[in-house]
Protein backbone atom coordinates (compact mmCIF):
# COMPACT_ATOMS: atom_id res chain seq x y z
CA UNK A 1 -128.83 -178.12 -87.93
CA UNK A 2 -130.13 -174.64 -87.08
CA UNK A 3 -129.26 -172.08 -89.73
CA UNK A 4 -127.39 -168.89 -88.84
CA UNK A 5 -130.49 -166.75 -89.35
CA UNK A 6 -132.76 -169.04 -87.32
CA UNK A 7 -133.42 -168.58 -83.61
CA UNK A 8 -131.44 -171.17 -81.66
CA UNK A 9 -133.75 -173.72 -80.05
CA UNK A 10 -131.95 -175.72 -77.36
CA UNK A 11 -134.90 -178.08 -77.06
CA UNK A 12 -134.23 -179.22 -80.63
CA UNK A 13 -132.54 -182.65 -80.50
CA UNK A 14 -130.62 -182.07 -83.75
CA UNK A 15 -129.29 -178.78 -82.42
CA UNK A 16 -128.20 -180.42 -79.16
CA UNK A 17 -126.47 -183.28 -80.99
CA UNK A 18 -124.56 -180.87 -83.22
CA UNK A 19 -123.49 -178.73 -80.26
CA UNK A 20 -122.40 -181.77 -78.23
CA UNK A 21 -120.46 -183.05 -81.24
CA UNK A 22 -118.55 -179.81 -81.80
CA UNK A 23 -117.92 -179.46 -78.04
CA UNK A 24 -116.48 -182.97 -77.99
CA UNK A 25 -114.25 -182.21 -80.99
CA UNK A 26 -112.98 -178.95 -79.46
CA UNK A 27 -112.26 -180.57 -76.08
CA UNK A 28 -110.53 -183.50 -77.81
CA UNK A 29 -108.23 -181.21 -79.81
CA UNK A 30 -107.52 -178.49 -77.24
CA UNK A 31 -108.04 -180.31 -73.93
CA UNK A 32 -110.95 -180.96 -71.58
CA UNK A 33 -112.64 -177.76 -70.47
CA UNK A 34 -111.63 -175.76 -73.57
CA UNK A 35 -115.33 -175.07 -74.16
CA UNK A 36 -118.21 -175.48 -71.75
CA UNK A 37 -121.65 -174.22 -70.83
CA UNK A 38 -121.54 -171.82 -67.91
CA UNK A 39 -124.96 -173.06 -66.85
CA UNK A 40 -123.81 -176.68 -66.82
CA UNK A 41 -120.87 -176.01 -64.51
CA UNK A 42 -122.83 -173.49 -62.45
CA UNK A 43 -120.12 -170.88 -62.62
CA UNK A 44 -121.13 -167.84 -60.60
CA UNK A 45 -120.20 -165.68 -57.69
CA UNK A 46 -120.74 -168.53 -55.23
CA UNK A 47 -118.01 -170.56 -57.01
CA UNK A 48 -115.33 -167.87 -56.80
CA UNK A 49 -112.65 -168.75 -54.27
CA UNK A 50 -111.00 -165.83 -52.54
CA UNK A 51 -108.15 -165.18 -50.13
CA UNK A 52 -108.90 -162.85 -47.17
CA UNK A 53 -106.95 -159.59 -47.23
CA UNK A 54 -106.59 -159.23 -43.47
CA UNK A 55 -109.27 -156.53 -43.41
CA UNK A 56 -112.93 -157.51 -43.07
CA UNK A 57 -113.97 -154.10 -44.43
CA UNK A 58 -111.90 -154.65 -47.58
CA UNK A 59 -113.13 -158.24 -47.99
CA UNK A 60 -116.71 -156.94 -47.89
CA UNK A 61 -115.89 -154.17 -50.38
CA UNK A 62 -114.55 -156.87 -52.71
CA UNK A 63 -117.77 -158.89 -52.46
CA UNK A 64 -117.18 -160.85 -49.27
CA UNK A 65 -114.49 -163.31 -50.36
CA UNK A 66 -111.30 -161.26 -50.42
CA UNK A 67 -108.99 -161.26 -53.44
CA UNK A 68 -110.13 -163.81 -56.05
CA UNK A 69 -107.99 -166.73 -57.16
CA UNK A 70 -107.39 -167.22 -60.86
CA UNK A 71 -107.33 -163.47 -61.50
CA UNK A 72 -104.85 -160.62 -61.96
CA UNK A 73 -104.97 -158.04 -59.15
CA UNK A 74 -103.43 -154.55 -59.13
CA UNK A 75 -102.82 -152.66 -55.88
CA UNK A 76 -101.56 -149.12 -56.38
CA UNK A 77 -101.06 -145.96 -54.37
CA UNK A 78 -98.55 -143.46 -53.03
CA UNK A 79 -95.42 -144.41 -51.16
CA UNK A 80 -95.87 -145.90 -47.67
CA UNK A 81 -99.64 -146.08 -48.12
CA UNK A 82 -99.88 -149.77 -47.15
CA UNK A 83 -99.91 -151.51 -50.56
CA UNK A 84 -97.29 -154.11 -49.69
CA UNK A 85 -98.84 -154.64 -46.26
CA UNK A 86 -102.18 -155.64 -47.83
CA UNK A 87 -100.33 -158.07 -50.12
CA UNK A 88 -98.38 -159.57 -47.20
CA UNK A 89 -101.55 -160.04 -45.13
CA UNK A 90 -103.10 -161.84 -48.11
CA UNK A 91 -100.00 -164.06 -48.36
CA UNK A 92 -100.25 -164.85 -44.62
CA UNK A 93 -103.91 -165.85 -45.00
CA UNK A 94 -103.15 -168.01 -48.04
CA UNK A 95 -100.46 -169.80 -46.01
CA UNK A 96 -102.91 -170.33 -43.13
CA UNK A 97 -105.24 -172.02 -45.63
CA UNK A 98 -102.40 -174.40 -46.54
CA UNK A 99 -101.37 -172.57 -49.70
CA UNK A 100 -97.94 -171.87 -51.17
CA UNK A 101 -96.91 -168.23 -51.65
CA UNK A 102 -94.20 -166.53 -53.70
CA UNK A 103 -92.93 -162.95 -53.50
CA UNK A 104 -91.05 -161.51 -56.48
CA UNK A 105 -89.15 -158.63 -54.92
CA UNK A 106 -88.20 -156.52 -57.93
CA UNK A 107 -87.63 -153.52 -55.65
CA UNK A 108 -85.21 -155.53 -53.47
CA UNK A 109 -86.91 -153.97 -50.45
CA UNK A 110 -88.86 -156.76 -48.73
CA UNK A 111 -88.63 -156.40 -44.95
CA UNK A 112 -88.72 -159.93 -43.45
CA UNK A 113 -89.12 -158.60 -39.90
CA UNK A 114 -92.29 -156.71 -40.87
CA UNK A 115 -93.58 -159.68 -42.88
CA UNK A 116 -93.13 -161.99 -39.87
CA UNK A 117 -94.90 -159.48 -37.59
CA UNK A 118 -98.06 -159.61 -39.66
CA UNK A 119 -98.15 -163.39 -39.83
CA UNK A 120 -96.15 -164.44 -42.91
CA UNK A 121 -94.41 -167.82 -42.55
CA UNK A 122 -90.97 -166.84 -43.86
CA UNK A 123 -89.69 -170.43 -43.89
CA UNK A 124 -92.24 -171.47 -46.51
CA UNK A 125 -92.35 -168.19 -48.48
CA UNK A 126 -90.66 -168.38 -51.88
CA UNK A 127 -88.71 -165.18 -52.59
CA UNK A 128 -87.01 -164.03 -55.79
CA UNK A 129 -85.02 -160.83 -56.33
CA UNK A 130 -84.66 -160.61 -60.12
CA UNK A 131 -82.18 -158.37 -61.87
CA UNK A 132 -84.48 -157.14 -64.65
CA UNK A 133 -88.11 -157.16 -65.75
CA UNK A 134 -88.01 -160.07 -68.19
CA UNK A 135 -86.45 -162.30 -65.53
CA UNK A 136 -89.14 -161.38 -62.98
CA UNK A 137 -92.01 -162.04 -65.37
CA UNK A 138 -90.47 -165.28 -66.65
CA UNK A 139 -90.14 -166.50 -63.05
CA UNK A 140 -93.78 -165.57 -62.48
CA UNK A 141 -94.77 -167.51 -65.61
CA UNK A 142 -92.87 -170.61 -64.46
CA UNK A 143 -94.45 -170.45 -61.00
CA UNK A 144 -97.95 -170.11 -62.47
CA UNK A 145 -97.35 -172.96 -64.95
CA UNK A 146 -96.21 -175.23 -62.12
CA UNK A 147 -99.75 -175.15 -60.70
CA UNK A 148 -98.09 -175.53 -57.29
CA UNK A 149 -98.26 -171.91 -56.11
CA UNK A 150 -101.46 -170.35 -54.79
CA UNK A 151 -100.48 -166.68 -54.67
CA UNK A 152 -97.73 -164.62 -56.30
CA UNK A 153 -96.95 -161.00 -55.42
CA UNK A 154 -94.84 -158.87 -57.77
CA UNK A 155 -93.47 -155.77 -56.05
CA UNK A 156 -93.49 -153.57 -58.01
CA UNK A 157 -94.39 -152.88 -61.65
CA UNK A 158 -92.26 -149.72 -61.60
CA UNK A 159 -89.20 -151.82 -60.69
CA UNK A 160 -89.65 -154.22 -63.64
CA UNK A 161 -86.88 -152.59 -65.65
CA UNK A 162 -86.54 -154.08 -69.16
CA UNK A 163 -83.12 -155.54 -69.99
CA UNK A 164 -82.79 -153.15 -72.94
CA UNK A 165 -83.11 -150.21 -70.58
CA UNK A 166 -80.45 -151.62 -68.26
CA UNK A 167 -78.04 -151.80 -71.18
CA UNK A 168 -78.51 -148.08 -71.87
CA UNK A 169 -76.73 -145.25 -70.15
CA UNK A 170 -78.55 -143.30 -67.44
CA UNK A 171 -80.42 -140.52 -69.22
CA UNK A 172 -81.02 -142.45 -72.46
CA UNK A 173 -84.63 -142.55 -73.64
CA UNK A 174 -86.47 -145.89 -73.55
CA UNK A 175 -90.00 -144.86 -74.50
CA UNK A 176 -92.64 -147.60 -74.32
CA UNK A 177 -90.26 -150.50 -73.63
CA UNK A 178 -91.74 -151.39 -70.24
CA UNK A 179 -95.31 -151.00 -71.51
CA UNK A 180 -94.58 -153.48 -74.34
CA UNK A 181 -93.00 -155.89 -71.85
CA UNK A 182 -96.05 -155.76 -69.57
CA UNK A 183 -98.45 -156.17 -72.49
CA UNK A 184 -96.61 -159.23 -73.82
CA UNK A 185 -96.27 -160.80 -70.37
CA UNK A 186 -99.93 -160.36 -69.44
CA UNK A 187 -101.11 -161.83 -72.74
CA UNK A 188 -99.18 -164.98 -71.81
CA UNK A 189 -99.89 -164.99 -68.07
CA UNK A 190 -103.61 -164.22 -68.01
CA UNK A 191 -104.95 -167.52 -69.43
CA UNK A 192 -102.44 -169.50 -67.34
CA UNK A 193 -103.50 -167.68 -64.17
CA UNK A 194 -107.15 -168.44 -64.87
CA UNK A 195 -106.45 -172.10 -65.60
CA UNK A 196 -104.31 -172.74 -62.50
CA UNK A 197 -106.42 -170.52 -60.20
CA UNK A 198 -103.36 -168.65 -59.00
CA UNK A 199 -103.89 -165.25 -57.40
CA UNK A 200 -101.33 -162.87 -58.94
CA UNK A 201 -100.95 -159.44 -57.33
CA UNK A 202 -99.06 -156.63 -59.04
CA UNK A 203 -98.12 -153.75 -56.74
CA UNK A 204 -97.86 -150.47 -58.62
CA UNK A 205 -96.85 -146.87 -58.02
CA UNK A 206 -98.48 -143.56 -58.91
CA UNK A 207 -96.93 -141.04 -61.28
CA UNK A 208 -98.02 -137.56 -62.39
CA UNK A 209 -98.98 -136.93 -66.01
CA UNK A 210 -97.13 -133.95 -67.45
CA UNK A 211 -99.17 -131.01 -68.73
CA UNK A 212 -102.58 -132.10 -67.40
CA UNK A 213 -104.62 -128.96 -66.70
CA UNK A 214 -108.00 -130.54 -65.95
CA UNK A 215 -108.96 -133.80 -64.30
CA UNK A 216 -106.81 -136.13 -62.24
CA UNK A 217 -103.14 -135.95 -63.30
CA UNK A 218 -102.30 -139.24 -61.58
CA UNK A 219 -101.54 -142.41 -63.50
CA UNK A 220 -99.84 -145.75 -62.84
CA UNK A 221 -96.63 -147.12 -64.33
CA UNK A 222 -96.27 -149.91 -66.89
CA UNK A 223 -98.70 -148.79 -69.58
CA UNK A 224 -102.35 -149.69 -70.05
CA UNK A 225 -102.19 -153.50 -70.28
CA UNK A 226 -102.40 -154.12 -66.52
CA UNK A 227 -105.48 -151.89 -66.25
CA UNK A 228 -107.23 -154.04 -68.86
CA UNK A 229 -106.13 -157.48 -67.65
CA UNK A 230 -106.68 -156.85 -63.92
CA UNK A 231 -109.98 -158.22 -62.60
CA UNK A 232 -109.56 -156.15 -59.44
CA UNK A 233 -107.82 -152.78 -59.03
CA UNK A 234 -107.37 -151.30 -55.57
CA UNK A 235 -106.33 -147.73 -54.90
CA UNK A 236 -104.74 -147.30 -51.47
CA UNK A 237 -104.57 -143.96 -49.66
CA UNK A 238 -103.27 -142.93 -46.27
CA UNK A 239 -106.18 -141.04 -44.68
CA UNK A 240 -104.95 -140.03 -41.20
CA UNK A 241 -102.43 -140.78 -38.50
CA UNK A 242 -103.33 -142.84 -35.45
CA UNK A 243 -101.68 -141.47 -32.31
CA UNK A 244 -101.16 -142.50 -28.72
CA UNK A 245 -100.65 -139.09 -27.16
CA UNK A 246 -98.05 -137.42 -29.34
CA UNK A 247 -96.63 -140.67 -30.68
CA UNK A 248 -97.80 -141.95 -34.07
CA UNK A 249 -98.69 -145.64 -33.70
CA UNK A 250 -100.33 -146.29 -37.05
CA UNK A 251 -102.33 -144.93 -39.95
CA UNK A 252 -105.91 -145.02 -41.10
CA UNK A 253 -106.09 -146.40 -44.63
CA UNK A 254 -108.75 -145.84 -47.25
CA UNK A 255 -108.98 -148.35 -50.09
CA UNK A 256 -111.20 -147.84 -53.12
CA UNK A 257 -112.14 -150.75 -55.38
CA UNK A 258 -111.83 -148.87 -58.67
CA UNK A 259 -112.38 -152.02 -60.75
CA UNK A 260 -114.04 -155.30 -59.85
CA UNK A 261 -115.10 -157.96 -62.34
CA UNK A 262 -116.28 -160.47 -59.74
CA UNK A 263 -118.60 -158.23 -57.69
CA UNK A 264 -119.89 -154.66 -57.60
CA UNK A 265 -117.09 -152.10 -58.09
CA UNK A 266 -116.55 -148.63 -56.58
CA UNK A 267 -116.94 -149.69 -52.94
CA UNK A 268 -114.64 -148.08 -50.37
CA UNK A 269 -113.12 -149.63 -47.26
CA UNK A 270 -111.50 -147.93 -44.28
CA UNK A 271 -109.15 -149.80 -41.98
CA UNK A 272 -106.53 -149.19 -39.33
CA UNK A 273 -102.89 -150.20 -39.77
CA UNK A 274 -100.66 -150.34 -36.70
CA UNK A 275 -96.88 -150.27 -36.82
CA UNK A 276 -96.57 -153.22 -34.42
CA UNK A 277 -98.94 -155.77 -36.04
CA UNK A 278 -100.28 -154.45 -39.35
CA UNK A 279 -103.96 -154.24 -40.33
CA UNK A 280 -106.24 -154.49 -37.30
CA UNK A 281 -108.82 -157.12 -38.21
CA UNK A 282 -110.40 -156.98 -34.75
CA UNK A 283 -111.21 -153.28 -35.15
CA UNK A 284 -113.09 -154.11 -38.36
CA UNK A 285 -114.99 -156.91 -36.59
CA UNK A 286 -116.14 -154.60 -33.79
CA UNK A 287 -117.04 -151.72 -36.09
CA UNK A 288 -118.95 -153.75 -38.68
CA UNK A 289 -120.36 -156.14 -36.07
CA UNK A 290 -121.92 -153.19 -34.26
CA UNK A 291 -123.33 -151.83 -37.53
CA UNK A 292 -124.95 -155.21 -38.20
CA UNK A 293 -126.18 -155.50 -34.57
CA UNK A 294 -124.20 -158.71 -34.11
CA UNK A 295 -121.89 -157.08 -31.57
CA UNK A 296 -123.46 -154.73 -29.03
CA UNK A 297 -122.04 -151.84 -27.05
CA UNK A 298 -123.57 -150.75 -23.76
CA UNK A 299 -121.74 -147.78 -22.35
CA UNK A 300 -118.07 -148.77 -22.50
CA UNK A 301 -118.77 -152.51 -22.54
CA UNK A 302 -118.70 -154.60 -25.73
CA UNK A 303 -120.59 -157.89 -25.92
CA UNK A 304 -121.30 -160.70 -28.34
CA UNK A 305 -124.48 -162.39 -27.23
CA UNK A 306 -123.85 -163.53 -23.66
CA UNK A 307 -120.09 -163.20 -24.06
CA UNK A 308 -118.54 -160.05 -22.57
CA UNK A 309 -115.76 -158.90 -24.91
CA UNK A 310 -114.34 -156.22 -22.68
CA UNK A 311 -114.59 -152.73 -21.30
CA UNK A 312 -113.40 -150.24 -23.88
CA UNK A 313 -112.53 -150.88 -27.50
CA UNK A 314 -108.88 -151.72 -26.83
CA UNK A 315 -109.82 -154.48 -24.36
CA UNK A 316 -112.49 -155.85 -26.70
CA UNK A 317 -109.98 -155.97 -29.56
CA UNK A 318 -107.45 -157.73 -27.34
CA UNK A 319 -110.10 -160.29 -26.32
CA UNK A 320 -110.93 -161.08 -29.95
CA UNK A 321 -107.23 -161.38 -30.78
CA UNK A 322 -106.76 -163.87 -27.94
CA UNK A 323 -109.95 -165.77 -28.87
CA UNK A 324 -109.82 -166.17 -32.65
CA UNK A 325 -112.62 -168.78 -32.67
CA UNK A 326 -115.09 -166.16 -31.35
CA UNK A 327 -113.74 -163.54 -33.77
CA UNK A 328 -114.11 -165.92 -36.71
CA UNK A 329 -117.67 -166.83 -35.67
CA UNK A 330 -118.60 -163.13 -35.68
CA UNK A 331 -116.95 -162.69 -39.09
CA UNK A 332 -118.96 -165.59 -40.51
CA UNK A 333 -122.19 -164.07 -39.20
CA UNK A 334 -121.30 -160.70 -40.73
CA UNK A 335 -120.50 -162.26 -44.11
CA UNK A 336 -123.71 -164.32 -44.08
CA UNK A 337 -125.76 -161.24 -43.23
CA UNK A 338 -124.08 -158.95 -45.75
CA UNK A 339 -123.71 -161.41 -48.61
CA UNK A 340 -126.06 -164.30 -47.91
CA UNK A 341 -127.63 -163.64 -51.34
CA UNK A 342 -124.84 -163.84 -53.98
CA UNK A 343 -126.91 -161.78 -56.42
CA UNK A 344 -126.68 -158.84 -54.04
CA UNK A 345 -122.99 -158.56 -54.96
CA UNK A 346 -123.97 -157.50 -58.47
CA UNK A 347 -125.71 -154.37 -57.23
CA UNK A 348 -123.36 -151.40 -57.46
CA UNK A 349 -123.28 -149.03 -54.47
CA UNK A 350 -125.62 -146.07 -54.70
CA UNK A 351 -124.05 -143.14 -56.52
CA UNK A 352 -121.25 -145.22 -58.06
CA UNK A 353 -119.49 -143.82 -61.10
CA UNK A 354 -116.99 -144.83 -63.74
CA UNK A 355 -113.51 -145.97 -62.68
CA UNK A 356 -112.21 -142.89 -60.84
CA UNK A 357 -109.59 -142.23 -58.21
CA UNK A 358 -110.25 -141.06 -54.69
CA UNK A 359 -110.30 -137.35 -54.22
CA UNK A 360 -106.88 -135.99 -53.37
CA UNK A 361 -106.40 -135.67 -49.63
CA UNK A 362 -103.59 -133.89 -47.83
CA UNK A 363 -100.97 -136.41 -46.77
CA UNK A 364 -100.50 -136.51 -42.98
CA UNK A 365 -97.07 -135.66 -41.64
CA UNK A 366 -95.92 -138.56 -39.48
CA UNK A 367 -93.79 -138.15 -36.42
CA UNK A 368 -90.37 -139.78 -36.74
CA UNK A 369 -90.60 -143.41 -35.69
CA UNK A 370 -87.17 -144.75 -36.58
CA UNK A 371 -87.39 -147.98 -38.55
CA UNK A 372 -91.14 -148.38 -38.03
CA UNK A 373 -92.12 -145.79 -40.63
CA UNK A 374 -90.88 -147.94 -43.48
CA UNK A 375 -92.89 -150.88 -42.22
CA UNK A 376 -96.20 -149.30 -43.23
CA UNK A 377 -95.39 -149.83 -46.91
């Protein structure tokens, strides 16, 4: 057997026999797949299964496959920035693929009307409204262990109030209790999530650090554990209002991939969110399709090959919405062109830096829209 100080020679038969023997013993004691060669199973970017987010721009920023299964995801941002909407679009796409989805509504604020508008099948969506943090995370653990659920959304980390804190009076100090709860839960959940290939999304809120004079004072709730365990972290910002005359009809969203362990991080995606149907996938298809010269624009007319999509962007978007098979064909061509070589996903965007937040932008002041304003969250 090769000594510790000797260079390992995989062509050595004795070495191979010893390795195969110990692999067999480990798999026998701890279960098949407890140890393996990454080369043997050809694990790589091409093997990662993702769930589309509802935005082609965001899917491309994530590496072309959407949010990965078997990983912890964190989506954070200011109020009404579109965090929950991204999660609901991902749920809708998982359901369209035949998957089972669960929504743990710790905030007790899920809007079923809005969820239905953006394509969520409410009849098959599992919903829980837990009373305290331990209950929510235990339910999540049981769902992951069942290996029967494809995607779980927990909304939100800030609302996962530990039972000990609930037993206190308002105003009592409970320093570090939630952070310990999150750390313990993620230590248990992370290996289970990876084994069952469940996509688990934590929605989080932004807080201000007290006394910060230099640098970004923003932080997220729940301690540091989620930052470490998350394979993907998305920061969502509201960039501008979309108006029809004087009436606000939607918002332009900017999402930065501040952490990505399955593709190149630090990419940014811009998308449009409308108050009547959510994220506009067709707008992404036209914009990116034109950039890739798959969709062409001549004057006011949009075309895909010999197919006339419409005069004006609104008509072209409506055509793609009514003809999803053409839209999906264009999407496939875009993905093949952008990410036909999986190794290209490992190349970080030019000028990328360490995990940083988007520069602060002035929040737009929306016109009153009645009940629609809340739907953007």
